[in-house]
Amino acid sequence: METTAGGLVTARAEVAALDDYGVGTALSGLVDGPGYWTRDGSLAAIERTGRYLAGTWEPSRPDGDPGKAGEGSWARFIGRIGAVALRAAAPSTREERRERLLALLEFWAESPFA
C-alpha cells in the first residue's frame, strides 16, 4: 500500500485512489455520520493500525504508536465487510461511489482485518 502526502491511499497502482472524504460519502449509512471520515488521514490511520497489529509497522520514534484511527466506526467492518461489497454491487450505487467502494474493498483485502 502506498500513502501520498495528500492523504490518498492506494492498494496497488491500478486501483482508483481512495480519498478520506469520498470514502465517507460512499459509506454513508454504513458508518455513523461523517465524523472522522471527512478528515485527512483516516484511511492511512486504518492502514497503520493494520500494520501495527500484523507486527510490520515501524514507528517514527521508539515509543511511538500508530495513532488514532478515527472514532472507531470503521471497526464495525471487521468480519462484516460484505455490507460494503453489497453496496458496491447494487445497481442504485452511483459509479463514482462504486469505484471508491471497490478500491476500499481491495485496500481491506490486503489488510490483516480481512
C-alpha atoms as a PDB file:
ATOM      1  CA  MET A   1       0.000   0.000   0.000  1.00  0.00           C
ATOM      2  CA  GLU A   2       1.094   3.499  -0.704  1.00  0.00           C
ATOM      3  CA  THR A   3       0.143   6.696   1.057  1.00  0.00           C
ATOM      4  CA  THR A   4       0.800  10.026  -0.567  1.00  0.00           C
ATOM      5  CA  ALA A   5       1.385  13.319   1.214  1.00  0.00           C
ATOM      6  CA  GLY A   6      -2.113  14.424   0.247  1.00  0.00           C
ATOM      7  CA  GLY A   7      -3.731  11.619   2.218  1.00  0.00           C
ATOM      8  CA  LEU A   8      -4.617   9.418  -0.741  1.00  0.00           C
ATOM      9  CA  VAL A   9      -4.163   5.708  -0.232  1.00  0.00           C
ATOM     10  CA  THR A  10      -3.911   3.111  -2.980  1.00  0.00           C
ATOM     11  CA  ALA A  11      -3.594  -0.623  -2.542  1.00  0.00           C
ATOM     12  CA  ARG A  12      -1.988  -1.036  -5.969  1.00  0.00           C
ATOM     13  CA  ALA A  13      -1.149   1.355  -8.773  1.00  0.00           C
ATOM     14  CA  GLU A  14      -4.139   0.271 -10.887  1.00  0.00           C
ATOM     15  CA  VAL A  15      -6.631   0.752  -8.036  1.00  0.00           C
ATOM     16  CA  ALA A  16      -8.529   4.036  -8.029  1.00  0.00           C
ATOM     17  CA  ALA A  17      -7.154   6.365  -5.356  1.00  0.00           C
ATOM     18  CA  LEU A  18      -9.094   6.478  -2.120  1.00  0.00           C
ATOM     19  CA  ASP A  19      -9.678   9.828  -0.538  1.00  0.00           C
ATOM     20  CA  ASP A  20     -10.920  10.155   3.013  1.00  0.00           C
ATOM     21  CA  TYR A  21     -13.895  12.380   2.208  1.00  0.00           C
ATOM     22  CA  GLY A  22     -15.018  10.421  -0.851  1.00  0.00           C
ATOM     23  CA  VAL A  23     -14.973   7.125   1.013  1.00  0.00           C
ATOM     24  CA  GLY A  24     -17.009   8.678   3.828  1.00  0.00           C
ATOM     25  CA  THR A  25     -19.643   9.748   1.316  1.00  0.00           C
ATOM     26  CA  ALA A  26     -19.713   6.288  -0.274  1.00  0.00           C
ATOM     27  CA  LEU A  27     -20.084   4.675   3.176  1.00  0.00           C
ATOM     28  CA  SER A  28     -22.948   6.979   4.181  1.00  0.00           C
ATOM     29  CA  GLY A  29     -25.424   4.983   6.242  1.00  0.00           C
ATOM     30  CA  LEU A  30     -22.928   2.193   6.943  1.00  0.00           C
ATOM     31  CA  VAL A  31     -20.901   4.280   9.406  1.00  0.00           C
ATOM     32  CA  ASP A  32     -22.200   6.770  11.948  1.00  0.00           C
ATOM     33  CA  GLY A  33     -22.229  10.279  10.494  1.00  0.00           C
ATOM     34  CA  PRO A  34     -19.385  11.812   8.531  1.00  0.00           C
ATOM     35  CA  GLY A  35     -17.229  12.152  11.666  1.00  0.00           C
ATOM     36  CA  TYR A  36     -13.589  11.307  11.191  1.00  0.00           C
ATOM     37  CA  TRP A  37     -14.099  10.138   7.608  1.00  0.00           C
ATOM     38  CA  THR A  38     -14.029  13.726   6.373  1.00  0.00           C
ATOM     39  CA  ARG A  39     -10.585  14.391   7.856  1.00  0.00           C
ATOM     40  CA  ASP A  40      -7.312  13.743   6.078  1.00  0.00           C
ATOM     41  CA  GLY A  41      -5.532  10.606   7.130  1.00  0.00           C
ATOM     42  CA  SER A  42      -8.318   8.309   8.348  1.00  0.00           C
ATOM     43  CA  LEU A  43      -7.539   5.647   5.733  1.00  0.00           C
ATOM     44  CA  ALA A  44      -3.825   5.956   6.425  1.00  0.00           C
ATOM     45  CA  ALA A  45      -4.552   5.505  10.141  1.00  0.00           C
ATOM     46  CA  ILE A  46      -6.500   2.301   9.431  1.00  0.00           C
ATOM     47  CA  GLU A  47      -3.588   1.062   7.329  1.00  0.00           C
ATOM     48  CA  ARG A  48      -1.110   1.896  10.130  1.00  0.00           C
ATOM     49  CA  THR A  49      -3.303   0.104  12.685  1.00  0.00           C
ATOM     50  CA  GLY A  50      -3.315  -2.972  10.458  1.00  0.00           C
ATOM     51  CA  ARG A  51       0.464  -2.905  10.116  1.00  0.00           C
ATOM     52  CA  TYR A  52       0.770  -2.427  13.900  1.00  0.00           C
ATOM     53  CA  LEU A  53      -1.408  -5.486  14.561  1.00  0.00           C
ATOM     54  CA  ALA A  54       0.474  -7.506  11.933  1.00  0.00           C
ATOM     55  CA  GLY A  55       3.797  -6.558  13.508  1.00  0.00           C
ATOM     56  CA  THR A  56       5.067  -4.856  10.358  1.00  0.00           C
ATOM     57  CA  TRP A  57       4.671  -1.212  11.421  1.00  0.00           C
ATOM     58  CA  GLU A  58       7.834   0.675  12.220  1.00  0.00           C
ATOM     59  CA  PRO A  59       7.234   3.724  14.429  1.00  0.00           C
ATOM     60  CA  SER A  60       8.953   7.004  13.646  1.00  0.00           C
ATOM     61  CA  ARG A  61      10.195   7.095  17.247  1.00  0.00           C
ATOM     62  CA  PRO A  62      10.960   4.209  19.631  1.00  0.00           C
ATOM     63  CA  ASP A  63       7.976   4.817  21.929  1.00  0.00           C
ATOM     64  CA  GLY A  64       5.538   5.636  19.104  1.00  0.00           C
ATOM     65  CA  ASP A  65       2.162   4.078  18.420  1.00  0.00           C
ATOM     66  CA  PRO A  66       0.081   4.001  15.229  1.00  0.00           C
ATOM     67  CA  GLY A  67      -2.106   6.887  16.408  1.00  0.00           C
ATOM     68  CA  LYS A  68      -5.843   7.296  16.363  1.00  0.00           C
ATOM     69  CA  ALA A  69      -7.687   5.636  13.505  1.00  0.00           C
ATOM     70  CA  GLY A  70     -10.915   7.591  13.512  1.00  0.00           C
ATOM     71  CA  GLU A  71     -13.543   7.342  16.175  1.00  0.00           C
ATOM     72  CA  GLY A  72     -13.791   3.604  15.581  1.00  0.00           C
ATOM     73  CA  SER A  73     -16.784   3.390  13.244  1.00  0.00           C
ATOM     74  CA  TRP A  74     -14.593   1.637  10.652  1.00  0.00           C
ATOM     75  CA  ALA A  75     -14.019  -1.276  13.073  1.00  0.00           C
ATOM     76  CA  ARG A  76     -17.602  -2.463  12.509  1.00  0.00           C
ATOM     77  CA  PHE A  77     -16.466  -3.759   9.102  1.00  0.00           C
ATOM     78  CA  ILE A  78     -14.152  -6.350  10.660  1.00  0.00           C
ATOM     79  CA  GLY A  79     -15.891  -9.608   9.783  1.00  0.00           C
ATOM     80  CA  ARG A  80     -18.740  -7.705   8.089  1.00  0.00           C
ATOM     81  CA  ILE A  81     -17.148  -6.075   5.068  1.00  0.00           C
ATOM     82  CA  GLY A  82     -19.840  -7.768   2.972  1.00  0.00           C
ATOM     83  CA  ALA A  83     -22.084  -4.732   3.534  1.00  0.00           C
ATOM     84  CA  VAL A  84     -19.591  -2.652   1.565  1.00  0.00           C
ATOM     85  CA  ALA A  85     -19.472  -5.303  -1.184  1.00  0.00           C
ATOM     86  CA  LEU A  86     -23.270  -5.387  -1.355  1.00  0.00           C
ATOM     87  CA  ARG A  87     -23.441  -1.622  -1.731  1.00  0.00           C
ATOM     88  CA  ALA A  88     -20.728  -1.718  -4.420  1.00  0.00           C
ATOM     89  CA  ALA A  89     -22.736  -4.318  -6.363  1.00  0.00           C
ATOM     90  CA  ALA A  90     -26.108  -2.565  -6.007  1.00  0.00           C
ATOM     91  CA  PRO A  91     -27.412  -1.122  -9.287  1.00  0.00           C
ATOM     92  CA  SER A  92     -28.529   2.033  -7.461  1.00  0.00           C
ATOM     93  CA  THR A  93     -24.962   2.918  -6.360  1.00  0.00           C
ATOM     94  CA  ARG A  94     -23.532   5.842  -8.312  1.00  0.00           C
ATOM     95  CA  GLU A  95     -20.458   4.989 -10.392  1.00  0.00           C
ATOM     96  CA  GLU A  96     -18.073   7.347  -8.547  1.00  0.00           C
ATOM     97  CA  ARG A  97     -19.130   5.818  -5.226  1.00  0.00           C
ATOM     98  CA  ARG A  98     -18.868   2.283  -6.622  1.00  0.00           C
ATOM     99  CA  GLU A  99     -15.262   2.964  -7.679  1.00  0.00           C
ATOM    100  CA  ARG A 100     -14.390   4.160  -4.170  1.00  0.00           C
ATOM    101  CA  LEU A 101     -16.124   1.186  -2.548  1.00  0.00           C
ATOM    102  CA  LEU A 102     -14.327  -1.279  -4.822  1.00  0.00           C
ATOM    103  CA  ALA A 103     -10.999   0.399  -4.071  1.00  0.00           C
ATOM    104  CA  LEU A 104     -11.816   0.238  -0.344  1.00  0.00           C
ATOM    105  CA  LEU A 105     -12.574  -3.490  -0.686  1.00  0.00           C
ATOM    106  CA  GLU A 106      -9.185  -4.061  -2.331  1.00  0.00           C
ATOM    107  CA  PHE A 107      -7.499  -1.946   0.364  1.00  0.00           C
ATOM    108  CA  TRP A 108      -9.293  -4.000   3.038  1.00  0.00           C
ATOM    109  CA  ALA A 109      -8.466  -7.350   1.375  1.00  0.00           C
ATOM    110  CA  GLU A 110      -4.762  -6.590   1.708  1.00  0.00           C
ATOM    111  CA  SER A 111      -5.105  -5.728   5.393  1.00  0.00           C
ATOM    112  CA  PRO A 112      -4.954  -8.050   8.412  1.00  0.00           C
ATOM    113  CA  PHE A 113      -8.641  -7.244   9.018  1.00  0.00           C
ATOM    114  CA  ALA A 114      -9.793  -9.304   6.012  1.00  0.00           C
END
